[in-house]
Amino acid sequence: MRTLAYLIPGTLLLGGLGLSGFLWALKSGQYEDLDGAAERILVDQEDKPER
């Protein structure tokens, strides 16, 4: 029973941190262009010289 007194607030705290991180990512536009990074890796960049 004493263990639950530590685990429940800890779980709520970690859940709140995860939720606040997700909401921050939404507000900062992290999920705006989901296909851009996937397509960017397929495009060759001519600017970088090969060694």
PDB file of N, CA and C in Angstrom:
ATOM      1  N   MET A   1       0.820  -1.198   0.000  1.00  0.00           N
ATOM      2  CA  MET A   1       0.000   0.000   0.000  1.00  0.00           C
ATOM      3  C   MET A   1       0.867   1.268   0.000  1.00  0.00           C
ATOM      4  N   ARG A   2       1.958   1.188   0.714  1.00  0.00           N
ATOM      5  CA  ARG A   2       2.849   2.338   0.774  1.00  0.00           C
ATOM      6  C   ARG A   2       3.521   2.582  -0.578  1.00  0.00           C
ATOM      7  N   THR A   3       3.734   1.495  -1.315  1.00  0.00           N
ATOM      8  CA  THR A   3       4.358   1.618  -2.625  1.00  0.00           C
ATOM      9  C   THR A   3       3.454   2.376  -3.598  1.00  0.00           C
ATOM     10  N   LEU A   4       2.152   2.152  -3.496  1.00  0.00           N
ATOM     11  CA  LEU A   4       1.218   2.864  -4.366  1.00  0.00           C
ATOM     12  C   LEU A   4       1.226   4.359  -4.107  1.00  0.00           C
ATOM     13  N   ALA A   5       1.548   4.754  -2.890  1.00  0.00           N
ATOM     14  CA  ALA A   5       1.614   6.177  -2.568  1.00  0.00           C
ATOM     15  C   ALA A   5       2.750   6.863  -3.326  1.00  0.00           C
ATOM     16  N   TYR A   6       3.761   6.096  -3.741  1.00  0.00           N
ATOM     17  CA  TYR A   6       4.860   6.650  -4.533  1.00  0.00           C
ATOM     18  C   TYR A   6       4.633   6.454  -6.031  1.00  0.00           C
ATOM     19  N   LEU A   7       4.047   5.314  -6.385  1.00  0.00           N
ATOM     20  CA  LEU A   7       3.908   4.999  -7.799  1.00  0.00           C
ATOM     21  C   LEU A   7       2.825   5.821  -8.491  1.00  0.00           C
ATOM     22  N   ILE A   8       1.711   6.057  -7.851  1.00  0.00           N
ATOM     23  CA  ILE A   8       0.614   6.790  -8.489  1.00  0.00           C
ATOM     24  C   ILE A   8       0.995   8.240  -8.781  1.00  0.00           C
ATOM     25  N   PRO A   9       1.541   8.996  -7.834  1.00  0.00           N
ATOM     26  CA  PRO A   9       1.965  10.369  -8.189  1.00  0.00           C
ATOM     27  C   PRO A   9       3.095  10.391  -9.219  1.00  0.00           C
ATOM     28  N   GLY A  10       4.003   9.417  -9.143  1.00  0.00           N
ATOM     29  CA  GLY A  10       5.082   9.359 -10.129  1.00  0.00           C
ATOM     30  C   GLY A  10       4.548   9.098 -11.525  1.00  0.00           C
ATOM     31  N   THR A  11       3.577   8.210 -11.612  1.00  0.00           N
ATOM     32  CA  THR A  11       2.964   7.912 -12.901  1.00  0.00           C
ATOM     33  C   THR A  11       2.217   9.121 -13.450  1.00  0.00           C
ATOM     34  N   LEU A  12       1.493   9.807 -12.591  1.00  0.00           N
ATOM     35  CA  LEU A  12       0.779  11.006 -13.020  1.00  0.00           C
ATOM     36  C   LEU A  12       1.746  12.094 -13.471  1.00  0.00           C
ATOM     37  N   LEU A  13       2.852  12.223 -12.784  1.00  0.00           N
ATOM     38  CA  LEU A  13       3.861  13.213 -13.154  1.00  0.00           C
ATOM     39  C   LEU A  13       4.474  12.886 -14.521  1.00  0.00           C
ATOM     40  N   LEU A  14       4.845  11.634 -14.736  1.00  0.00           N
ATOM     41  CA  LEU A  14       5.429  11.252 -16.019  1.00  0.00           C
ATOM     42  C   LEU A  14       4.414  11.361 -17.150  1.00  0.00           C
ATOM     43  N   GLY A  15       3.171  11.021 -16.886  1.00  0.00           N
ATOM     44  CA  GLY A  15       2.129  11.180 -17.893  1.00  0.00           C
ATOM     45  C   GLY A  15       1.909  12.634 -18.246  1.00  0.00           C
ATOM     46  N   GLY A  16       1.933  13.510 -17.235  1.00  0.00           N
ATOM     47  CA  GLY A  16       1.790  14.942 -17.481  1.00  0.00           C
ATOM     48  C   GLY A  16       2.959  15.505 -18.275  1.00  0.00           C
ATOM     49  N   LEU A  17       4.172  15.019 -17.995  1.00  0.00           N
ATOM     50  CA  LEU A  17       5.337  15.460 -18.768  1.00  0.00           C
ATOM     51  C   LEU A  17       5.237  15.007 -20.215  1.00  0.00           C
ATOM     52  N   GLY A  18       4.780  13.780 -20.425  1.00  0.00           N
ATOM     53  CA  GLY A  18       4.612  13.285 -21.792  1.00  0.00           C
ATOM     54  C   GLY A  18       3.550  14.064 -22.547  1.00  0.00           C
ATOM     55  N   LEU A  19       2.453  14.355 -21.882  1.00  0.00           N
ATOM     56  CA  LEU A  19       1.377  15.125 -22.508  1.00  0.00           C
ATOM     57  C   LEU A  19       1.836  16.548 -22.823  1.00  0.00           C
ATOM     58  N   SER A  20       2.557  17.165 -21.908  1.00  0.00           N
ATOM     59  CA  SER A  20       3.029  18.527 -22.166  1.00  0.00           C
ATOM     60  C   SER A  20       4.059  18.540 -23.294  1.00  0.00           C
ATOM     61  N   GLY A  21       4.897  17.518 -23.388  1.00  0.00           N
ATOM     62  CA  GLY A  21       5.840  17.432 -24.500  1.00  0.00           C
ATOM     63  C   GLY A  21       5.138  17.260 -25.833  1.00  0.00           C
ATOM     64  N   PHE A  22       4.093  16.456 -25.845  1.00  0.00           N
ATOM     65  CA  PHE A  22       3.318  16.262 -27.078  1.00  0.00           C
ATOM     66  C   PHE A  22       2.619  17.550 -27.488  1.00  0.00           C
ATOM     67  N   LEU A  23       2.028  18.253 -26.533  1.00  0.00           N
ATOM     68  CA  LEU A  23       1.351  19.506 -26.852  1.00  0.00           C
ATOM     69  C   LEU A  23       2.341  20.565 -27.323  1.00  0.00           C
ATOM     70  N   TRP A  24       3.531  20.583 -26.746  1.00  0.00           N
ATOM     71  CA  TRP A  24       4.571  21.510 -27.196  1.00  0.00           C
ATOM     72  C   TRP A  24       4.961  21.204 -28.645  1.00  0.00           C
ATOM     73  N   ALA A  25       5.084  19.911 -28.976  1.00  0.00           N
ATOM     74  CA  ALA A  25       5.446  19.536 -30.339  1.00  0.00           C
ATOM     75  C   ALA A  25       4.353  19.936 -31.323  1.00  0.00           C
ATOM     76  N   LEU A  26       3.104  19.834 -30.920  1.00  0.00           N
ATOM     77  CA  LEU A  26       2.011  20.267 -31.791  1.00  0.00           C
ATOM     78  C   LEU A  26       2.051  21.765 -32.028  1.00  0.00           C
ATOM     79  N   LYS A  27       2.281  22.531 -30.967  1.00  0.00           N
ATOM     80  CA  LYS A  27       2.298  23.990 -31.089  1.00  0.00           C
ATOM     81  C   LYS A  27       3.498  24.493 -31.887  1.00  0.00           C
ATOM     82  N   SER A  28       4.619  23.784 -31.806  1.00  0.00           N
ATOM     83  CA  SER A  28       5.817  24.257 -32.502  1.00  0.00           C
ATOM     84  C   SER A  28       5.887  23.784 -33.943  1.00  0.00           C
ATOM     85  N   GLY A  29       4.885  23.023 -34.395  1.00  0.00           N
ATOM     86  CA  GLY A  29       4.821  22.638 -35.799  1.00  0.00           C
ATOM     87  C   GLY A  29       5.640  21.418 -36.166  1.00  0.00           C
ATOM     88  N   GLN A  30       5.912  20.535 -35.230  1.00  0.00           N
ATOM     89  CA  GLN A  30       6.708  19.353 -35.518  1.00  0.00           C
ATOM     90  C   GLN A  30       5.985  18.368 -36.430  1.00  0.00           C
ATOM     91  N   TYR A  31       4.682  18.419 -36.458  1.00  0.00           N
ATOM     92  CA  TYR A  31       3.903  17.460 -37.242  1.00  0.00           C
ATOM     93  C   TYR A  31       3.299  18.090 -38.501  1.00  0.00           C
ATOM     94  N   GLU A  32       3.814  19.210 -38.930  1.00  0.00           N
ATOM     95  CA  GLU A  32       3.262  19.908 -40.082  1.00  0.00           C
ATOM     96  C   GLU A  32       3.603  19.206 -41.403  1.00  0.00           C
ATOM     97  N   ASP A  33       4.839  18.789 -41.580  1.00  0.00           N
ATOM     98  CA  ASP A  33       5.284  18.207 -42.844  1.00  0.00           C
ATOM     99  C   ASP A  33       5.813  16.801 -42.584  1.00  0.00           C
ATOM    100  N   LEU A  34       4.926  15.828 -42.574  1.00  0.00           N
ATOM    101  CA  LEU A  34       5.331  14.455 -42.270  1.00  0.00           C
ATOM    102  C   LEU A  34       6.013  13.780 -43.450  1.00  0.00           C
ATOM    103  N   ASP A  35       5.674  14.153 -44.671  1.00  0.00           N
ATOM    104  CA  ASP A  35       6.256  13.511 -45.842  1.00  0.00           C
ATOM    105  C   ASP A  35       7.554  14.174 -46.297  1.00  0.00           C
ATOM    106  N   GLY A  36       7.832  15.353 -45.821  1.00  0.00           N
ATOM    107  CA  GLY A  36       9.018  16.084 -46.276  1.00  0.00           C
ATOM    108  C   GLY A  36      10.316  15.376 -45.959  1.00  0.00           C
ATOM    109  N   ALA A  37      10.471  14.893 -44.746  1.00  0.00           N
ATOM    110  CA  ALA A  37      11.710  14.218 -44.373  1.00  0.00           C
ATOM    111  C   ALA A  37      11.852  12.885 -45.088  1.00  0.00           C
ATOM    112  N   ALA A  38      10.742  12.204 -45.315  1.00  0.00           N
ATOM    113  CA  ALA A  38      10.803  10.925 -46.013  1.00  0.00           C
ATOM    114  C   ALA A  38      11.206  11.113 -47.468  1.00  0.00           C
ATOM    115  N   GLU A  39      10.763  12.187 -48.089  1.00  0.00           N
ATOM    116  CA  GLU A  39      11.117  12.434 -49.484  1.00  0.00           C
ATOM    117  C   GLU A  39      12.496  13.085 -49.607  1.00  0.00           C
ATOM    118  N   ARG A  40      12.902  13.824 -48.600  1.00  0.00           N
ATOM    119  CA  ARG A  40      14.191  14.526 -48.638  1.00  0.00           C
ATOM    120  C   ARG A  40      15.359  13.552 -48.674  1.00  0.00           C
ATOM    121  N   ILE A  41      15.195  12.385 -48.062  1.00  0.00           N
ATOM    122  CA  ILE A  41      16.295  11.429 -48.040  1.00  0.00           C
ATOM    123  C   ILE A  41      16.519  10.789 -49.402  1.00  0.00           C
ATOM    124  N   LEU A  42      15.503  10.816 -50.251  1.00  0.00           N
ATOM    125  CA  LEU A  42      15.608  10.201 -51.570  1.00  0.00           C
ATOM    126  C   LEU A  42      16.196  11.132 -52.624  1.00  0.00           C
ATOM    127  N   VAL A  43      16.264  12.415 -52.335  1.00  0.00           N
ATOM    128  CA  VAL A  43      16.750  13.398 -53.301  1.00  0.00           C
ATOM    129  C   VAL A  43      18.267  13.530 -53.169  1.00  0.00           C
ATOM    130  N   ASP A  44      18.964  13.407 -54.323  1.00  0.00           N
ATOM    131  CA  ASP A  44      20.410  13.611 -54.317  1.00  0.00           C
ATOM    132  C   ASP A  44      20.734  15.093 -54.219  1.00  0.00           C
ATOM    133  N   GLN A  45      21.701  15.403 -53.419  1.00  0.00           N
ATOM    134  CA  GLN A  45      22.140  16.795 -53.295  1.00  0.00           C
ATOM    135  C   GLN A  45      23.420  16.968 -54.093  1.00  0.00           C
ATOM    136  N   GLU A  46      23.370  17.843 -55.080  1.00  0.00           N
ATOM    137  CA  GLU A  46      24.509  18.085 -55.966  1.00  0.00           C
ATOM    138  C   GLU A  46      25.509  19.055 -55.343  1.00  0.00           C
ATOM    139  N   ASP A  47      25.130  19.718 -54.257  1.00  0.00           N
ATOM    140  CA  ASP A  47      25.976  20.754 -53.665  1.00  0.00           C
ATOM    141  C   ASP A  47      27.209  20.204 -52.974  1.00  0.00           C
ATOM    142  N   LYS A  48      27.125  19.020 -52.416  1.00  0.00           N
ATOM    143  CA  LYS A  48      28.242  18.466 -51.645  1.00  0.00           C
ATOM    144  C   LYS A  48      29.227  17.747 -52.569  1.00  0.00           C
ATOM    145  N   PRO A  49      30.493  18.102 -52.491  1.00  0.00           N
ATOM    146  CA  PRO A  49      31.477  17.396 -53.328  1.00  0.00           C
ATOM    147  C   PRO A  49      31.785  16.016 -52.744  1.00  0.00           C
ATOM    148  N   GLU A  50      31.990  15.034 -53.642  1.00  0.00           N
ATOM    149  CA  GLU A  50      32.331  13.695 -53.187  1.00  0.00           C
ATOM    150  C   GLU A  50      33.834  13.603 -53.008  1.00  0.00           C
ATOM    151  N   ARG A  51      34.257  12.805 -52.061  1.00  0.00           N
ATOM    152  CA  ARG A  51      35.701  12.644 -51.806  1.00  0.00           C
ATOM    153  C   ARG A  51      36.167  11.294 -52.253  1.00  0.00           C
TER     154      ARG A  51
END
